[in-house]
């Protein structure tokens, strides 16, 4: 019985080498973007802009859902979407975006992007960044988090 448990534990450790070999680094920076109107945007809302600091390049965001939070004030919504960053080295980084949006007089948002892979050195990327920002004619704000690559 002890041998079976040991073999099972070793099998689990050997079956997940990608996670053990990832290199993670903290990232901090800023972003700014403008709203992308239809027909270029086919989602509920799209933005495109630039990101600098620990991650550098351009990015796009497409909102896929937005639901009222039920909070007081009623201007607060929950949202989900997809983000894509094109790095300065022309590699793509994909992420799932979740957050809260306040469309009231102090318009702003907070979100979490969970990385889900990419291309080139970003293939297999994981990690998360937290964003907070202001809404106006576009969006701007800052981010902090970790990105891990194989």
N, C-alpha and C. Protein backbone atom coordinates (compact mmCIF):
# COMPACT_ATOMS: atom_id res chain seq x y z
N UNK A 1 0.82 -1.19 0.00
CA UNK A 1 0.00 0.00 0.00
C UNK A 1 0.87 1.26 0.00
N UNK A 2 1.94 1.28 0.84
CA UNK A 2 2.83 2.44 0.89
C UNK A 2 3.50 2.66 -0.46
N UNK A 3 3.85 1.57 -1.14
CA UNK A 3 4.49 1.67 -2.45
C UNK A 3 3.56 2.30 -3.47
N UNK A 4 2.26 1.95 -3.42
CA UNK A 4 1.28 2.50 -4.34
C UNK A 4 1.11 4.00 -4.12
N UNK A 5 1.09 4.44 -2.85
CA UNK A 5 0.97 5.86 -2.53
C UNK A 5 2.21 6.61 -3.05
N UNK A 6 3.39 6.04 -2.85
CA UNK A 6 4.62 6.66 -3.30
C UNK A 6 4.65 6.77 -4.83
N UNK A 7 4.25 5.72 -5.52
CA UNK A 7 4.22 5.75 -6.98
C UNK A 7 3.22 6.79 -7.46
N UNK A 8 2.07 6.89 -6.82
CA UNK A 8 1.06 7.89 -7.19
C UNK A 8 1.60 9.29 -7.00
N UNK A 9 2.27 9.54 -5.89
CA UNK A 9 2.83 10.87 -5.62
C UNK A 9 3.89 11.24 -6.65
N UNK A 10 4.75 10.30 -6.99
CA UNK A 10 5.79 10.56 -7.99
C UNK A 10 5.16 10.82 -9.36
N UNK A 11 4.12 10.06 -9.70
CA UNK A 11 3.44 10.26 -10.99
C UNK A 11 2.86 11.66 -11.09
N UNK A 12 2.26 12.15 -10.02
CA UNK A 12 1.68 13.49 -10.02
C UNK A 12 2.78 14.53 -10.20
N UNK A 13 3.88 14.37 -9.49
CA UNK A 13 4.98 15.34 -9.59
C UNK A 13 5.58 15.35 -10.99
N UNK A 14 5.71 14.19 -11.62
CA UNK A 14 6.32 14.13 -12.95
C UNK A 14 5.36 14.56 -14.05
N UNK A 15 4.06 14.54 -13.79
CA UNK A 15 3.09 14.87 -14.84
C UNK A 15 2.85 16.36 -14.97
N UNK A 16 3.43 17.20 -14.11
CA UNK A 16 3.22 18.65 -14.18
C UNK A 16 4.53 19.43 -14.26
N UNK A 17 5.44 19.04 -15.15
CA UNK A 17 6.72 19.75 -15.19
C UNK A 17 6.61 21.18 -15.68
N UNK A 18 5.61 21.50 -16.50
CA UNK A 18 5.50 22.87 -17.04
C UNK A 18 5.33 23.89 -15.92
N UNK A 19 4.54 23.55 -14.92
CA UNK A 19 4.32 24.48 -13.83
C UNK A 19 5.57 24.65 -12.98
N UNK A 20 6.31 23.59 -12.77
CA UNK A 20 7.51 23.65 -11.94
C UNK A 20 8.61 24.46 -12.62
N UNK A 21 8.61 24.50 -13.96
CA UNK A 21 9.68 25.17 -14.68
C UNK A 21 9.35 26.60 -15.05
N UNK A 22 8.19 27.09 -14.72
CA UNK A 22 7.84 28.46 -15.09
C UNK A 22 8.68 29.47 -14.31
N UNK A 23 8.98 30.57 -15.01
CA UNK A 23 9.72 31.67 -14.38
C UNK A 23 8.72 32.80 -14.18
N UNK A 24 8.56 33.22 -12.94
CA UNK A 24 7.60 34.28 -12.63
C UNK A 24 8.34 35.57 -12.29
N UNK A 25 7.75 36.68 -12.72
CA UNK A 25 8.35 37.97 -12.38
C UNK A 25 7.24 38.95 -12.03
N UNK A 26 7.48 39.81 -11.07
CA UNK A 26 6.50 40.84 -10.74
C UNK A 26 6.49 41.91 -11.84
N UNK A 27 5.29 42.44 -12.11
CA UNK A 27 5.16 43.50 -13.10
C UNK A 27 4.31 44.63 -12.53
N UNK A 28 4.73 45.86 -12.79
CA UNK A 28 4.03 47.06 -12.35
C UNK A 28 4.09 48.04 -13.50
N UNK A 29 2.99 48.75 -13.75
CA UNK A 29 3.02 49.72 -14.83
C UNK A 29 1.73 50.49 -14.98
N UNK A 30 1.57 51.08 -16.16
CA UNK A 30 0.42 51.92 -16.47
C UNK A 30 -0.16 51.55 -17.82
N UNK A 31 -1.38 52.05 -18.08
CA UNK A 31 -2.03 51.82 -19.36
C UNK A 31 -2.92 53.02 -19.68
N UNK A 32 -3.24 53.15 -20.97
CA UNK A 32 -4.22 54.12 -21.42
C UNK A 32 -4.85 53.56 -22.69
N UNK A 33 -6.12 53.88 -22.91
CA UNK A 33 -6.82 53.35 -24.07
C UNK A 33 -7.97 54.26 -24.46
N UNK A 34 -8.47 54.03 -25.66
CA UNK A 34 -9.65 54.72 -26.16
C UNK A 34 -10.69 53.68 -26.53
N UNK A 35 -11.95 54.12 -26.59
CA UNK A 35 -13.04 53.24 -27.00
C UNK A 35 -12.94 52.99 -28.50
N UNK A 36 -13.14 51.74 -28.90
CA UNK A 36 -13.15 51.35 -30.31
C UNK A 36 -14.61 51.20 -30.73
N UNK A 37 -15.09 52.03 -31.67
CA UNK A 37 -16.49 51.96 -32.07
C UNK A 37 -16.74 50.84 -33.10
N UNK A 38 -18.03 50.48 -33.30
CA UNK A 38 -18.37 49.56 -34.38
C UNK A 38 -18.04 50.23 -35.72
N UNK A 39 -17.77 49.54 -36.75
CA UNK A 39 -17.82 48.09 -36.91
C UNK A 39 -16.53 47.38 -36.48
N UNK A 40 -15.47 48.14 -36.13
CA UNK A 40 -14.23 47.50 -35.68
C UNK A 40 -14.46 46.70 -34.41
N UNK A 41 -15.40 47.13 -33.58
CA UNK A 41 -15.75 46.41 -32.35
C UNK A 41 -17.06 45.68 -32.56
N UNK A 42 -17.02 44.36 -32.40
CA UNK A 42 -18.25 43.57 -32.52
C UNK A 42 -18.75 43.09 -31.16
N UNK A 43 -18.08 43.46 -30.09
CA UNK A 43 -18.48 43.10 -28.72
C UNK A 43 -19.31 44.23 -28.12
N UNK A 44 -19.73 44.06 -26.86
CA UNK A 44 -20.50 45.08 -26.16
C UNK A 44 -19.74 46.39 -26.05
N UNK A 45 -18.45 46.29 -25.78
CA UNK A 45 -17.57 47.45 -25.64
C UNK A 45 -16.16 46.98 -25.93
N UNK A 46 -15.41 47.79 -26.65
CA UNK A 46 -14.01 47.47 -26.95
C UNK A 46 -13.16 48.69 -26.65
N UNK A 47 -11.94 48.44 -26.19
CA UNK A 47 -10.96 49.50 -26.03
C UNK A 47 -9.64 49.02 -26.63
N UNK A 48 -8.80 49.98 -26.99
CA UNK A 48 -7.47 49.66 -27.52
C UNK A 48 -6.53 50.76 -27.06
N UNK A 49 -5.32 50.36 -26.70
CA UNK A 49 -4.38 51.36 -26.21
C UNK A 49 -2.99 50.80 -26.05
N UNK A 50 -2.28 51.41 -25.12
CA UNK A 50 -0.90 50.98 -24.88
C UNK A 50 -0.70 50.67 -23.40
N UNK A 51 0.30 49.86 -23.14
CA UNK A 51 0.67 49.46 -21.78
C UNK A 51 2.18 49.61 -21.66
N UNK A 52 2.63 50.11 -20.52
CA UNK A 52 4.07 50.28 -20.32
C UNK A 52 4.43 49.96 -18.88
N UNK A 53 5.71 49.76 -18.65
CA UNK A 53 6.20 49.34 -17.33
C UNK A 53 6.72 47.93 -17.44
N UNK A 54 6.29 47.05 -16.55
CA UNK A 54 6.73 45.65 -16.55
C UNK A 54 6.29 44.88 -17.77
N UNK A 55 5.17 45.26 -18.36
CA UNK A 55 4.70 44.72 -19.64
C UNK A 55 4.62 45.91 -20.58
N UNK A 56 5.22 45.78 -21.76
CA UNK A 56 5.25 46.91 -22.69
C UNK A 56 4.71 46.49 -24.04
N UNK A 57 3.81 47.33 -24.58
CA UNK A 57 3.26 47.05 -25.90
C UNK A 57 1.91 47.72 -26.07
N UNK A 58 1.08 47.11 -26.90
CA UNK A 58 -0.28 47.60 -27.12
C UNK A 58 -1.25 46.54 -26.64
N UNK A 59 -2.51 46.95 -26.42
CA UNK A 59 -3.49 45.95 -26.00
C UNK A 59 -4.87 46.29 -26.52
N UNK A 60 -5.69 45.24 -26.55
CA UNK A 60 -7.10 45.39 -26.89
C UNK A 60 -7.91 44.67 -25.82
N UNK A 61 -9.13 45.16 -25.62
CA UNK A 61 -10.06 44.56 -24.67
C UNK A 61 -11.42 44.50 -25.34
N UNK A 62 -12.11 43.36 -25.21
CA UNK A 62 -13.47 43.20 -25.71
C UNK A 62 -14.34 42.68 -24.57
N UNK A 63 -15.34 43.48 -24.17
CA UNK A 63 -16.25 43.09 -23.10
C UNK A 63 -17.26 42.07 -23.63
N UNK A 64 -17.42 40.97 -22.91
CA UNK A 64 -18.36 39.93 -23.34
C UNK A 64 -19.63 39.91 -22.51
N UNK A 65 -19.56 40.32 -21.24
CA UNK A 65 -20.78 40.42 -20.43
C UNK A 65 -20.69 41.64 -19.53
N UNK A 66 -21.88 42.18 -19.21
CA UNK A 66 -21.98 43.27 -18.24
C UNK A 66 -23.35 43.13 -17.58
N UNK A 67 -23.34 42.98 -16.25
CA UNK A 67 -24.60 42.80 -15.52
C UNK A 67 -24.65 43.78 -14.35
N UNK A 68 -25.84 44.27 -14.03
CA UNK A 68 -25.97 45.16 -12.87
C UNK A 68 -25.52 44.44 -11.60
N UNK A 69 -24.87 45.17 -10.72
CA UNK A 69 -24.38 44.55 -9.48
C UNK A 69 -25.48 44.43 -8.43
N UNK A 70 -26.54 45.21 -8.58
CA UNK A 70 -27.59 45.23 -7.56
C UNK A 70 -27.22 46.12 -6.39
N UNK A 71 -26.12 46.84 -6.51
CA UNK A 71 -25.63 47.70 -5.43
C UNK A 71 -26.30 49.07 -5.50
N UNK A 72 -26.13 49.79 -4.43
CA UNK A 72 -26.53 51.19 -4.40
C UNK A 72 -25.22 51.96 -4.44
N UNK A 73 -24.91 52.77 -5.38
CA UNK A 73 -25.78 53.26 -6.44
C UNK A 73 -25.93 52.24 -7.59
N UNK A 74 -26.97 52.41 -8.41
CA UNK A 74 -27.23 51.46 -9.50
C UNK A 74 -26.28 51.61 -10.68
N UNK A 75 -25.31 52.48 -10.59
CA UNK A 75 -24.37 52.70 -11.70
C UNK A 75 -23.23 51.69 -11.71
N UNK A 76 -23.23 50.72 -10.76
CA UNK A 76 -22.14 49.76 -10.65
C UNK A 76 -22.52 48.44 -11.34
N UNK A 77 -21.62 47.95 -12.19
CA UNK A 77 -21.83 46.74 -12.96
C UNK A 77 -20.64 45.80 -12.81
N UNK A 78 -20.90 44.49 -12.99
CA UNK A 78 -19.84 43.49 -13.08
C UNK A 78 -19.63 43.19 -14.56
N UNK A 79 -18.38 42.94 -14.96
CA UNK A 79 -18.14 42.62 -16.37
C UNK A 79 -17.11 41.51 -16.53
N UNK A 80 -17.13 40.90 -17.70
CA UNK A 80 -16.10 39.95 -18.12
C UNK A 80 -15.70 40.32 -19.54
N UNK A 81 -14.53 39.86 -19.94
CA UNK A 81 -14.08 40.12 -21.30
C UNK A 81 -12.78 39.41 -21.59
N UNK A 82 -12.26 39.69 -22.76
CA UNK A 82 -11.01 39.10 -23.21
C UNK A 82 -10.02 40.22 -23.52
N UNK A 83 -8.81 40.07 -23.04
CA UNK A 83 -7.74 41.03 -23.31
C UNK A 83 -6.64 40.37 -24.12
N UNK A 84 -6.02 41.16 -24.96
CA UNK A 84 -4.87 40.67 -25.73
C UNK A 84 -3.81 41.76 -25.75
N UNK A 85 -2.61 41.39 -25.34
CA UNK A 85 -1.48 42.32 -25.35
C UNK A 85 -0.52 41.89 -26.45
N UNK A 86 -0.10 42.84 -27.27
CA UNK A 86 0.95 42.60 -28.26
C UNK A 86 2.21 43.26 -27.70
N UNK A 87 3.18 42.43 -27.35
CA UNK A 87 4.40 42.95 -26.72
C UNK A 87 5.27 43.68 -27.74
N UNK A 88 6.26 44.39 -27.25
CA UNK A 88 7.18 45.10 -28.14
C UNK A 88 7.93 44.15 -29.06
N UNK A 89 8.08 42.89 -28.64
CA UNK A 89 8.75 41.89 -29.50
C UNK A 89 7.75 41.18 -30.40
N UNK A 90 6.53 41.72 -30.51
CA UNK A 90 5.47 41.23 -31.39
C UNK A 90 4.92 39.86 -31.01
N UNK A 91 4.99 39.52 -29.74
CA UNK A 91 4.38 38.29 -29.24
C UNK A 91 3.04 38.65 -28.62
N UNK A 92 2.11 37.70 -28.61
CA UNK A 92 0.79 37.94 -28.05
C UNK A 92 0.69 37.31 -26.66
N UNK A 93 -0.05 37.98 -25.79
CA UNK A 93 -0.35 37.51 -24.44
C UNK A 93 -1.85 37.61 -24.27
N UNK A 94 -2.51 36.48 -23.98
CA UNK A 94 -3.97 36.43 -23.87
C UNK A 94 -4.40 36.42 -22.41
N UNK A 95 -5.55 37.04 -22.13
CA UNK A 95 -6.05 37.05 -20.77
C UNK A 95 -7.56 37.14 -20.70
N UNK A 96 -8.10 36.60 -19.61
CA UNK A 96 -9.52 36.73 -19.30
C UNK A 96 -9.65 37.82 -18.26
N UNK A 97 -10.52 38.77 -18.53
CA UNK A 97 -10.68 39.97 -17.72
C UNK A 97 -12.01 39.91 -16.96
N UNK A 98 -11.97 40.15 -15.65
CA UNK A 98 -13.18 40.21 -14.83
C UNK A 98 -13.08 41.46 -13.96
N UNK A 99 -14.22 42.11 -13.71
CA UNK A 99 -14.11 43.30 -12.88
C UNK A 99 -15.41 43.99 -12.59
N UNK A 100 -15.26 45.18 -12.02
CA UNK A 100 -16.37 46.03 -11.64
C UNK A 100 -16.19 47.39 -12.30
N UNK A 101 -17.30 47.90 -12.81
CA UNK A 101 -17.31 49.16 -13.54
C UNK A 101 -18.33 50.08 -12.89
N UNK A 102 -17.94 51.32 -12.59
CA UNK A 102 -18.86 52.31 -12.04
C UNK A 102 -19.06 53.40 -13.09
N UNK A 103 -20.27 53.50 -13.62
CA UNK A 103 -20.58 54.48 -14.65
C UNK A 103 -21.14 55.77 -14.08
N UNK A 104 -21.05 55.94 -12.77
CA UNK A 104 -21.54 57.15 -12.09
C UNK A 104 -20.61 58.33 -12.27
N UNK A 105 -20.84 59.39 -11.50
CA UNK A 105 -20.07 60.63 -11.65
C UNK A 105 -18.57 60.45 -11.38
N UNK A 106 -18.19 59.49 -10.57
CA UNK A 106 -16.77 59.22 -10.30
C UNK A 106 -16.31 58.01 -11.12
N UNK A 107 -16.70 57.96 -12.37
CA UNK A 107 -16.51 56.80 -13.25
C UNK A 107 -15.12 56.18 -13.12
N UNK A 108 -15.14 54.87 -12.84
CA UNK A 108 -13.89 54.15 -12.71
C UNK A 108 -14.13 52.66 -12.77
N UNK A 109 -13.05 51.89 -12.69
CA UNK A 109 -13.18 50.44 -12.71
C UNK A 109 -12.00 49.80 -12.00
N UNK A 110 -12.21 48.54 -11.65
CA UNK A 110 -11.15 47.69 -11.11
C UNK A 110 -11.33 46.33 -11.77
N UNK A 111 -10.23 45.72 -12.18
CA UNK A 111 -10.36 44.42 -12.84
C UNK A 111 -9.15 43.54 -12.55
N UNK A 112 -9.32 42.27 -12.90
CA UNK A 112 -8.28 41.26 -12.75
C UNK A 112 -8.14 40.56 -14.09
N UNK A 113 -6.95 40.59 -14.65
CA UNK A 113 -6.70 39.84 -15.88
C UNK A 113 -5.91 38.59 -15.50
N UNK A 114 -6.48 37.43 -15.83
CA UNK A 114 -5.82 36.15 -15.60
C UNK A 114 -5.26 35.69 -16.94
N UNK A 115 -3.94 35.54 -17.02
CA UNK A 115 -3.30 35.19 -18.28
C UNK A 115 -3.57 33.73 -18.63
N UNK A 116 -3.84 33.50 -19.92
CA UNK A 116 -4.23 32.18 -20.39
C UNK A 116 -3.38 31.70 -21.56
N UNK A 117 -2.16 32.23 -21.70
CA UNK A 117 -1.27 31.78 -22.76
C UNK A 117 -0.91 32.90 -23.71
N UNK A 118 -0.33 32.52 -24.83
CA UNK A 118 0.08 33.50 -25.82
C UNK A 118 0.87 32.84 -26.93
N UNK A 119 1.72 33.63 -27.58
CA UNK A 119 2.55 33.12 -28.67
C UNK A 119 4.02 33.38 -28.34
N UNK A 120 4.90 32.67 -29.05
CA UNK A 120 6.34 32.84 -28.81
C UNK A 120 6.71 32.53 -27.37
N UNK A 121 7.48 33.42 -26.75
CA UNK A 121 7.89 33.19 -25.36
C UNK A 121 6.72 33.30 -24.38
N UNK A 122 5.58 33.82 -24.86
CA UNK A 122 4.39 33.93 -24.01
C UNK A 122 3.48 32.70 -24.09
N UNK A 123 3.81 31.74 -24.96
CA UNK A 123 3.02 30.51 -25.04
C UNK A 123 3.06 29.82 -23.67
N UNK A 124 1.93 29.48 -23.14
CA UNK A 124 1.87 28.86 -21.82
C UNK A 124 1.96 29.84 -20.67
N UNK A 125 1.91 31.14 -20.95
CA UNK A 125 2.00 32.14 -19.88
C UNK A 125 0.83 32.03 -18.91
N UNK A 126 1.11 32.28 -17.64
CA UNK A 126 0.10 32.31 -16.59
C UNK A 126 0.37 33.54 -15.73
N UNK A 127 -0.42 33.71 -14.69
CA UNK A 127 -0.26 34.83 -13.78
C UNK A 127 -1.47 35.75 -13.85
N UNK A 128 -1.40 36.84 -13.12
CA UNK A 128 -2.51 37.79 -13.06
C UNK A 128 -1.97 39.19 -12.85
N UNK A 129 -2.73 40.17 -13.37
CA UNK A 129 -2.47 41.56 -13.01
C UNK A 129 -3.78 42.19 -12.56
N UNK A 130 -3.68 43.03 -11.57
CA UNK A 130 -4.83 43.80 -11.07
C UNK A 130 -4.73 45.19 -11.66
N UNK A 131 -5.84 45.68 -12.19
CA UNK A 131 -5.88 47.00 -12.79
C UNK A 131 -6.87 47.87 -12.05
N UNK A 132 -6.61 49.15 -12.02
CA UNK A 132 -7.59 50.11 -11.53
C UNK A 132 -7.43 51.34 -12.42
N UNK A 133 -8.57 51.95 -12.70
CA UNK A 133 -8.48 53.06 -13.63
C UNK A 133 -9.67 53.98 -13.59
N UNK A 134 -9.56 55.02 -14.38
CA UNK A 134 -10.59 56.03 -14.49
C UNK A 134 -11.18 55.96 -15.90
N UNK A 135 -12.46 56.33 -15.99
CA UNK A 135 -13.14 56.39 -17.28
C UNK A 135 -13.36 57.84 -17.63
N UNK A 136 -13.19 58.14 -18.86
CA UNK A 136 -13.44 59.48 -19.38
C UNK A 136 -13.67 59.33 -20.86
N UNK A 137 -12.92 60.07 -21.65
CA UNK A 137 -13.01 59.88 -23.10
C UNK A 137 -12.34 58.56 -23.48
N UNK A 138 -11.61 58.01 -22.57
CA UNK A 138 -10.97 56.71 -22.73
C UNK A 138 -10.78 56.14 -21.34
N UNK A 139 -9.78 55.29 -21.19
CA UNK A 139 -9.46 54.76 -19.87
C UNK A 139 -7.98 54.98 -19.61
N UNK A 140 -7.62 55.10 -18.35
CA UNK A 140 -6.22 55.17 -17.97
C UNK A 140 -6.11 54.70 -16.53
N UNK A 141 -4.94 54.16 -16.20
CA UNK A 141 -4.75 53.69 -14.84
C UNK A 141 -3.44 52.96 -14.68
N UNK A 142 -3.40 52.09 -13.66
CA UNK A 142 -2.18 51.36 -13.37
C UNK A 142 -2.48 49.89 -13.14
N UNK A 143 -1.43 49.08 -13.12
CA UNK A 143 -1.56 47.64 -12.88
C UNK A 143 -0.40 47.16 -12.03
N UNK A 144 -0.64 46.01 -11.38
CA UNK A 144 0.39 45.34 -10.59
C UNK A 144 0.06 43.85 -10.59
N UNK A 145 1.07 43.02 -10.64
CA UNK A 145 0.82 41.58 -10.62
C UNK A 145 2.05 40.77 -10.92
N UNK A 146 1.81 39.58 -11.47
CA UNK A 146 2.89 38.63 -11.77
C UNK A 146 2.59 37.97 -13.10
N UNK A 147 3.63 37.80 -13.90
CA UNK A 147 3.50 37.04 -15.14
C UNK A 147 4.51 35.90 -15.09
N UNK A 148 4.06 34.72 -15.46
CA UNK A 148 4.91 33.52 -15.43
C UNK A 148 4.99 32.94 -16.84
N UNK A 149 6.18 32.61 -17.28
CA UNK A 149 6.38 32.02 -18.60
C UNK A 149 7.18 30.72 -18.46
N UNK A 150 6.94 29.81 -19.40
CA UNK A 150 7.68 28.52 -19.35
C UNK A 150 9.18 28.70 -19.53
